[in-house]
Amino acid sequence: MREALNYQARRRAVRLATLVICAAALAVTFAGCNLFGGSSSSSNDTSSALTKIPWCDKPFIQFVDSTSASQTPITNWDAVKGELGFTLYLPPSLPKGTCLVLAGGSIHDAIYGAHVSITWDVPNTGPISLSEAPVRGQGSVALQCTASAQNTQTNVCLGTHDGTSVTIASRQSTADLQTLFKSLQPNLDWVPSDTNQLLATPSATAGS
């Protein structure tokens, strides 16, 4: 019995570590990239609501139902959000000029239930990735940050919001990520309302 419990505990630990690694990997993958102008500098410090933020490129949403034999990706957020089993916490807005890179995760997982990862490309600071899942066991409520082992310029921060484990990976400062973490609100809409609006479009036609 004890061996079975230890095995389950190890599996939970591996899954939680995977969430952190995935968030860090996304940030490292896109670090330094200027996605269709999404990371260019801007003197305008106004913000945009999440649904007003355009996609950086073609819309990319992919979730997997772990109970499905076909494992066909689910690309409709409305089909996923009611199956999470935890509350998703997101910032109410992000700096103007931000674009949405990708979103994905899984539902009905036998170990951690579900998880969601969303990555935006933010002007000046580059990509920021939020990866969330239900809290399992003891978790620190306060956000704790450490430098990524893959890229010391990337901070990987972990905290909890009312039963939700939140991992943030970004090149922003720890102080800025603390502020972002405190601003997170539950059940916000985040899918761009205009799927035809891409941040690449104005840049591509600016000279015409």
C-alpha atoms as a PDB file:
ATOM      1  CA  MET A   1       0.000   0.000   0.000  1.00  0.00           C
ATOM      2  CA  ARG A   2       2.774   2.402   0.941  1.00  0.00           C
ATOM      3  CA  GLU A   3       4.627   1.616  -2.289  1.00  0.00           C
ATOM      4  CA  ALA A   4       1.470   2.393  -4.286  1.00  0.00           C
ATOM      5  CA  LEU A   5       1.066   5.737  -2.514  1.00  0.00           C
ATOM      6  CA  ASN A   6       4.713   6.591  -3.106  1.00  0.00           C
ATOM      7  CA  TYR A   7       4.316   5.710  -6.780  1.00  0.00           C
ATOM      8  CA  GLN A   8       1.296   7.994  -7.130  1.00  0.00           C
ATOM      9  CA  ALA A   9       3.149  10.777  -5.322  1.00  0.00           C
ATOM     10  CA  ARG A  10       6.099  10.422  -7.689  1.00  0.00           C
ATOM     11  CA  ARG A  11       3.797  10.563 -10.694  1.00  0.00           C
ATOM     12  CA  ARG A  12       2.134  13.724  -9.391  1.00  0.00           C
ATOM     13  CA  ALA A  13       5.548  15.279  -8.827  1.00  0.00           C
ATOM     14  CA  VAL A  14       6.641  14.395 -12.356  1.00  0.00           C
ATOM     15  CA  ARG A  15       3.493  15.927 -13.835  1.00  0.00           C
ATOM     16  CA  LEU A  16       3.893  19.154 -11.852  1.00  0.00           C
ATOM     17  CA  ALA A  17       7.534  19.353 -12.880  1.00  0.00           C
ATOM     18  CA  THR A  18       6.448  18.862 -16.488  1.00  0.00           C
ATOM     19  CA  LEU A  19       4.151  21.891 -16.234  1.00  0.00           C
ATOM     20  CA  VAL A  20       7.061  24.034 -15.079  1.00  0.00           C
ATOM     21  CA  ILE A  21       9.364  22.688 -17.791  1.00  0.00           C
ATOM     22  CA  CYS A  22       6.764  23.261 -20.514  1.00  0.00           C
ATOM     23  CA  ALA A  23       6.210  26.843 -19.449  1.00  0.00           C
ATOM     24  CA  ALA A  24       9.949  27.473 -19.333  1.00  0.00           C
ATOM     25  CA  ALA A  25      10.480  25.774 -22.684  1.00  0.00           C
ATOM     26  CA  LEU A  26       7.911  28.006 -24.367  1.00  0.00           C
ATOM     27  CA  ALA A  27       9.607  31.094 -23.020  1.00  0.00           C
ATOM     28  CA  VAL A  28      13.047  29.862 -24.046  1.00  0.00           C
ATOM     29  CA  THR A  29      11.806  28.847 -27.508  1.00  0.00           C
ATOM     30  CA  PHE A  30      10.451  32.298 -28.226  1.00  0.00           C
ATOM     31  CA  ALA A  31      12.999  34.285 -26.229  1.00  0.00           C
ATOM     32  CA  GLY A  32      14.444  37.085 -28.289  1.00  0.00           C
ATOM     33  CA  CYS A  33      11.998  36.530 -31.133  1.00  0.00           C
ATOM     34  CA  ASN A  34      10.144  39.429 -32.714  1.00  0.00           C
ATOM     35  CA  LEU A  35       6.950  37.690 -33.749  1.00  0.00           C
ATOM     36  CA  PHE A  36       5.503  39.836 -36.532  1.00  0.00           C
ATOM     37  CA  GLY A  37       6.360  42.950 -34.574  1.00  0.00           C
ATOM     38  CA  GLY A  38       4.832  41.683 -31.314  1.00  0.00           C
ATOM     39  CA  SER A  39       8.007  42.338 -29.324  1.00  0.00           C
ATOM     40  CA  SER A  40       8.907  45.654 -30.881  1.00  0.00           C
ATOM     41  CA  SER A  41       9.350  48.677 -28.639  1.00  0.00           C
ATOM     42  CA  SER A  42       6.456  51.045 -28.076  1.00  0.00           C
ATOM     43  CA  SER A  43       6.110  54.386 -26.354  1.00  0.00           C
ATOM     44  CA  ASN A  44       2.394  53.763 -25.764  1.00  0.00           C
ATOM     45  CA  ASP A  45       1.881  52.225 -22.329  1.00  0.00           C
ATOM     46  CA  THR A  46      -1.868  51.635 -22.646  1.00  0.00           C
ATOM     47  CA  SER A  47      -3.278  48.129 -22.266  1.00  0.00           C
ATOM     48  CA  SER A  48      -5.644  45.931 -24.203  1.00  0.00           C
ATOM     49  CA  ALA A  49      -8.279  43.551 -22.835  1.00  0.00           C
ATOM     50  CA  LEU A  50      -7.405  39.923 -23.606  1.00  0.00           C
ATOM     51  CA  THR A  51     -10.196  39.455 -26.152  1.00  0.00           C
ATOM     52  CA  LYS A  52      -8.910  42.515 -28.053  1.00  0.00           C
ATOM     53  CA  ILE A  53      -5.410  41.071 -28.372  1.00  0.00           C
ATOM     54  CA  PRO A  54      -4.823  39.656 -31.869  1.00  0.00           C
ATOM     55  CA  TRP A  55      -3.128  36.414 -32.789  1.00  0.00           C
ATOM     56  CA  CYS A  56       0.544  36.730 -33.715  1.00  0.00           C
ATOM     57  CA  ASP A  57       0.020  34.305 -36.594  1.00  0.00           C
ATOM     58  CA  LYS A  58      -2.725  31.832 -37.464  1.00  0.00           C
ATOM     59  CA  PRO A  59      -4.967  30.937 -34.479  1.00  0.00           C
ATOM     60  CA  PHE A  60      -3.532  27.955 -32.592  1.00  0.00           C
ATOM     61  CA  ILE A  61      -5.604  26.292 -29.848  1.00  0.00           C
ATOM     62  CA  GLN A  62      -5.046  22.595 -29.165  1.00  0.00           C
ATOM     63  CA  PHE A  63      -6.354  20.641 -26.185  1.00  0.00           C
ATOM     64  CA  VAL A  64      -6.429  16.883 -25.700  1.00  0.00           C
ATOM     65  CA  ASP A  65      -9.123  14.870 -23.924  1.00  0.00           C
ATOM     66  CA  SER A  66      -7.106  12.221 -22.094  1.00  0.00           C
ATOM     67  CA  THR A  67     -10.112   9.868 -21.995  1.00  0.00           C
ATOM     68  CA  SER A  68     -10.511   9.953 -25.772  1.00  0.00           C
ATOM     69  CA  ALA A  69      -9.061   7.006 -27.666  1.00  0.00           C
ATOM     70  CA  SER A  70      -8.601   9.081 -30.809  1.00  0.00           C
ATOM     71  CA  GLN A  71      -6.753  11.924 -29.004  1.00  0.00           C
ATOM     72  CA  THR A  72      -8.117  14.278 -31.645  1.00  0.00           C
ATOM     73  CA  PRO A  73      -7.077  17.847 -30.745  1.00  0.00           C
ATOM     74  CA  ILE A  74      -9.882  20.110 -29.493  1.00  0.00           C
ATOM     75  CA  THR A  75      -9.542  23.551 -31.053  1.00  0.00           C
ATOM     76  CA  ASN A  76     -12.678  25.147 -29.599  1.00  0.00           C
ATOM     77  CA  TRP A  77     -12.125  26.751 -26.174  1.00  0.00           C
ATOM     78  CA  ASP A  78     -15.872  26.690 -25.448  1.00  0.00           C
ATOM     79  CA  ALA A  79     -15.726  22.881 -25.586  1.00  0.00           C
ATOM     80  CA  VAL A  80     -12.901  22.844 -23.028  1.00  0.00           C
ATOM     81  CA  LYS A  81     -13.528  25.527 -20.419  1.00  0.00           C
ATOM     82  CA  GLY A  82     -16.424  23.721 -18.727  1.00  0.00           C
ATOM     83  CA  GLU A  83     -14.362  20.533 -18.341  1.00  0.00           C
ATOM     84  CA  LEU A  84     -11.313  21.912 -16.514  1.00  0.00           C
ATOM     85  CA  GLY A  85     -12.377  21.223 -12.939  1.00  0.00           C
ATOM     86  CA  PHE A  86     -10.475  24.287 -11.705  1.00  0.00           C
ATOM     87  CA  THR A  87     -10.693  28.061 -12.042  1.00  0.00           C
ATOM     88  CA  LEU A  88      -8.518  29.711 -14.681  1.00  0.00           C
ATOM     89  CA  TYR A  89      -6.868  32.954 -13.514  1.00  0.00           C
ATOM     90  CA  LEU A  90      -5.620  35.467 -16.077  1.00  0.00           C
ATOM     91  CA  PRO A  91      -4.535  39.119 -16.190  1.00  0.00           C
ATOM     92  CA  PRO A  92      -7.416  41.445 -17.143  1.00  0.00           C
ATOM     93  CA  SER A  93      -5.242  43.134 -19.773  1.00  0.00           C
ATOM     94  CA  LEU A  94      -1.763  43.167 -21.301  1.00  0.00           C
ATOM     95  CA  PRO A  95       0.287  45.994 -22.871  1.00  0.00           C
ATOM     96  CA  LYS A  96      -0.878  47.328 -26.202  1.00  0.00           C
ATOM     97  CA  GLY A  97       1.023  45.628 -29.009  1.00  0.00           C
ATOM     98  CA  THR A  98       0.826  42.189 -27.362  1.00  0.00           C
ATOM     99  CA  CYS A  99      -0.202  39.261 -29.544  1.00  0.00           C
ATOM    100  CA  LEU A 100      -1.380  35.741 -28.699  1.00  0.00           C
ATOM    101  CA  VAL A 101       1.068  33.003 -29.720  1.00  0.00           C
ATOM    102  CA  LEU A 102      -0.694  29.766 -28.791  1.00  0.00           C
ATOM    103  CA  ALA A 103      -2.821  27.964 -26.211  1.00  0.00           C
ATOM    104  CA  GLY A 104      -3.288  24.327 -25.289  1.00  0.00           C
ATOM    105  CA  GLY A 105      -3.321  21.648 -22.634  1.00  0.00           C
ATOM    106  CA  SER A 106      -5.422  18.674 -21.617  1.00  0.00           C
ATOM    107  CA  ILE A 107      -8.628  17.712 -19.818  1.00  0.00           C
ATOM    108  CA  HIS A 108      -9.779  14.637 -17.884  1.00  0.00           C
ATOM    109  CA  ASP A 109      -6.238  13.579 -17.036  1.00  0.00           C
ATOM    110  CA  ALA A 110      -6.091  10.743 -14.505  1.00  0.00           C
ATOM    111  CA  ILE A 111      -3.347  12.442 -12.461  1.00  0.00           C
ATOM    112  CA  TYR A 112      -3.915  16.197 -12.371  1.00  0.00           C
ATOM    113  CA  GLY A 113      -7.339  16.529 -13.949  1.00  0.00           C
ATOM    114  CA  ALA A 114      -6.541  19.213 -16.506  1.00  0.00           C
ATOM    115  CA  HIS A 115      -4.044  21.921 -17.354  1.00  0.00           C
ATOM    116  CA  VAL A 116      -4.015  25.028 -19.527  1.00  0.00           C
ATOM    117  CA  SER A 117      -1.024  26.855 -21.019  1.00  0.00           C
ATOM    118  CA  ILE A 118      -1.351  30.194 -22.818  1.00  0.00           C
ATOM    119  CA  THR A 119       1.516  32.199 -24.315  1.00  0.00           C
ATOM    120  CA  TRP A 120       1.452  35.839 -25.401  1.00  0.00           C
ATOM    121  CA  ASP A 121       4.241  37.872 -27.008  1.00  0.00           C
ATOM    122  CA  VAL A 122       4.558  41.173 -25.117  1.00  0.00           C
ATOM    123  CA  PRO A 123       6.268  44.335 -26.446  1.00  0.00           C
ATOM    124  CA  ASN A 124       9.783  44.994 -25.094  1.00  0.00           C
ATOM    125  CA  THR A 125       9.900  41.936 -22.789  1.00  0.00           C
ATOM    126  CA  GLY A 126       9.029  39.099 -25.182  1.00  0.00           C
ATOM    127  CA  PRO A 127       6.883  36.016 -24.534  1.00  0.00           C
ATOM    128  CA  ILE A 128       5.047  35.334 -21.295  1.00  0.00           C
ATOM    129  CA  SER A 129       3.567  31.903 -20.658  1.00  0.00           C
ATOM    130  CA  LEU A 130       0.955  31.027 -18.021  1.00  0.00           C
ATOM    131  CA  SER A 131       0.460  27.345 -17.235  1.00  0.00           C
ATOM    132  CA  GLU A 132      -2.278  26.410 -14.763  1.00  0.00           C
ATOM    133  CA  ALA A 133      -3.675  23.269 -13.142  1.00  0.00           C
ATOM    134  CA  PRO A 134      -5.529  22.316  -9.961  1.00  0.00           C
ATOM    135  CA  VAL A 135      -3.409  22.378  -6.794  1.00  0.00           C
ATOM    136  CA  ARG A 136      -2.305  18.937  -5.624  1.00  0.00           C
ATOM    137  CA  GLY A 137      -1.076  18.668  -2.028  1.00  0.00           C
ATOM    138  CA  GLN A 138       0.697  21.556  -0.379  1.00  0.00           C
ATOM    139  CA  GLY A 139       1.430  24.602  -2.476  1.00  0.00           C
ATOM    140  CA  SER A 140       2.785  28.051  -1.743  1.00  0.00           C
ATOM    141  CA  VAL A 141       0.161  30.792  -2.093  1.00  0.00           C
ATOM    142  CA  ALA A 142       2.800  33.492  -2.593  1.00  0.00           C
ATOM    143  CA  LEU A 143       4.560  33.600  -5.943  1.00  0.00           C
ATOM    144  CA  GLN A 144       8.091  32.198  -5.813  1.00  0.00           C
ATOM    145  CA  CYS A 145      10.469  32.845  -8.719  1.00  0.00           C
ATOM    146  CA  THR A 146      13.745  31.344  -9.881  1.00  0.00           C
ATOM    147  CA  ALA A 147      15.887  31.714 -13.005  1.00  0.00           C
ATOM    148  CA  SER A 148      15.354  29.064 -15.667  1.00  0.00           C
ATOM    149  CA  ALA A 149      18.140  26.504 -15.932  1.00  0.00           C
ATOM    150  CA  GLN A 150      17.897  26.740 -19.735  1.00  0.00           C
ATOM    151  CA  ASN A 151      18.002  30.536 -19.907  1.00  0.00           C
ATOM    152  CA  THR A 152      19.030  32.657 -16.927  1.00  0.00           C
ATOM    153  CA  GLN A 153      17.211  35.661 -18.416  1.00  0.00           C
ATOM    154  CA  THR A 154      13.912  33.804 -18.046  1.00  0.00           C
ATOM    155  CA  ASN A 155      12.145  33.764 -14.682  1.00  0.00           C
ATOM    156  CA  VAL A 156       9.969  30.763 -13.815  1.00  0.00           C
ATOM    157  CA  CYS A 157       7.508  31.596 -11.026  1.00  0.00           C
ATOM    158  CA  LEU A 158       5.098  29.310  -9.174  1.00  0.00           C
ATOM    159  CA  GLY A 159       2.206  30.229  -6.865  1.00  0.00           C
ATOM    160  CA  THR A 160      -1.445  29.408  -6.176  1.00  0.00           C
ATOM    161  CA  HIS A 161      -4.732  31.266  -6.509  1.00  0.00           C
ATOM    162  CA  ASP A 162      -7.610  29.681  -4.546  1.00  0.00           C
ATOM    163  CA  GLY A 163      -6.936  26.074  -5.520  1.00  0.00           C
ATOM    164  CA  THR A 164      -5.271  26.802  -8.858  1.00  0.00           C
ATOM    165  CA  SER A 165      -1.549  26.248  -9.374  1.00  0.00           C
ATOM    166  CA  VAL A 166      -0.108  29.040 -11.546  1.00  0.00           C
ATOM    167  CA  THR A 167       3.268  28.839 -13.304  1.00  0.00           C
ATOM    168  CA  ILE A 168       4.548  31.944 -15.103  1.00  0.00           C
ATOM    169  CA  ALA A 169       7.578  31.941 -17.410  1.00  0.00           C
ATOM    170  CA  SER A 170       8.829  35.280 -18.715  1.00  0.00           C
ATOM    171  CA  ARG A 171      11.864  37.532 -19.136  1.00  0.00           C
ATOM    172  CA  GLN A 172      10.091  40.200 -17.085  1.00  0.00           C
ATOM    173  CA  SER A 173      11.520  41.100 -13.685  1.00  0.00           C
ATOM    174  CA  THR A 174      10.423  39.278 -10.548  1.00  0.00           C
ATOM    175  CA  ALA A 175       8.780  42.467  -9.285  1.00  0.00           C
ATOM    176  CA  ASP A 176       6.751  42.844 -12.492  1.00  0.00           C
ATOM    177  CA  LEU A 177       5.674  39.185 -12.355  1.00  0.00           C
ATOM    178  CA  GLN A 178       4.628  39.611  -8.722  1.00  0.00           C
ATOM    179  CA  THR A 179       2.435  42.528  -9.807  1.00  0.00           C
ATOM    180  CA  LEU A 180       1.016  40.479 -12.674  1.00  0.00           C
ATOM    181  CA  PHE A 181       0.291  37.549 -10.344  1.00  0.00           C
ATOM    182  CA  LYS A 182      -1.626  39.787  -7.935  1.00  0.00           C
ATOM    183  CA  SER A 183      -3.698  41.153 -10.830  1.00  0.00           C
ATOM    184  CA  LEU A 184      -4.968  37.736 -11.977  1.00  0.00           C
ATOM    185  CA  GLN A 185      -8.741  37.415 -12.095  1.00  0.00           C
ATOM    186  CA  PRO A 186     -10.971  34.329 -12.438  1.00  0.00           C
ATOM    187  CA  ASN A 187     -12.864  33.132 -15.497  1.00  0.00           C
ATOM    188  CA  LEU A 188     -11.855  35.892 -17.909  1.00  0.00           C
ATOM    189  CA  ASP A 189     -12.490  35.532 -21.628  1.00  0.00           C
ATOM    190  CA  TRP A 190      -9.167  35.443 -23.472  1.00  0.00           C
ATOM    191  CA  VAL A 191      -9.824  34.148 -27.006  1.00  0.00           C
ATOM    192  CA  PRO A 192      -9.483  37.015 -29.527  1.00  0.00           C
ATOM    193  CA  SER A 193     -12.925  38.228 -30.548  1.00  0.00           C
ATOM    194  CA  ASP A 194     -11.727  38.862 -34.118  1.00  0.00           C
ATOM    195  CA  THR A 195      -9.996  35.720 -35.372  1.00  0.00           C
ATOM    196  CA  ASN A 196      -9.199  37.419 -38.685  1.00  0.00           C
ATOM    197  CA  GLN A 197      -7.132  40.145 -37.004  1.00  0.00           C
ATOM    198  CA  LEU A 198      -3.442  39.268 -36.939  1.00  0.00           C
ATOM    199  CA  LEU A 199      -0.696  41.487 -35.627  1.00  0.00           C
ATOM    200  CA  ALA A 200       1.214  40.631 -38.818  1.00  0.00           C
ATOM    201  CA  THR A 201      -1.384  42.268 -41.032  1.00  0.00           C
ATOM    202  CA  PRO A 202      -0.663  45.958 -40.274  1.00  0.00           C
ATOM    203  CA  SER A 203       3.084  45.387 -40.528  1.00  0.00           C
ATOM    204  CA  ALA A 204       2.808  43.590 -43.854  1.00  0.00           C
ATOM    205  CA  THR A 205       0.707  46.356 -45.406  1.00  0.00           C
ATOM    206  CA  ALA A 206       2.331  49.374 -43.729  1.00  0.00           C
ATOM    207  CA  GLY A 207       4.206  50.343 -46.859  1.00  0.00           C
ATOM    208  CA  SER A 208       1.243  50.088 -49.186  1.00  0.00           C
END
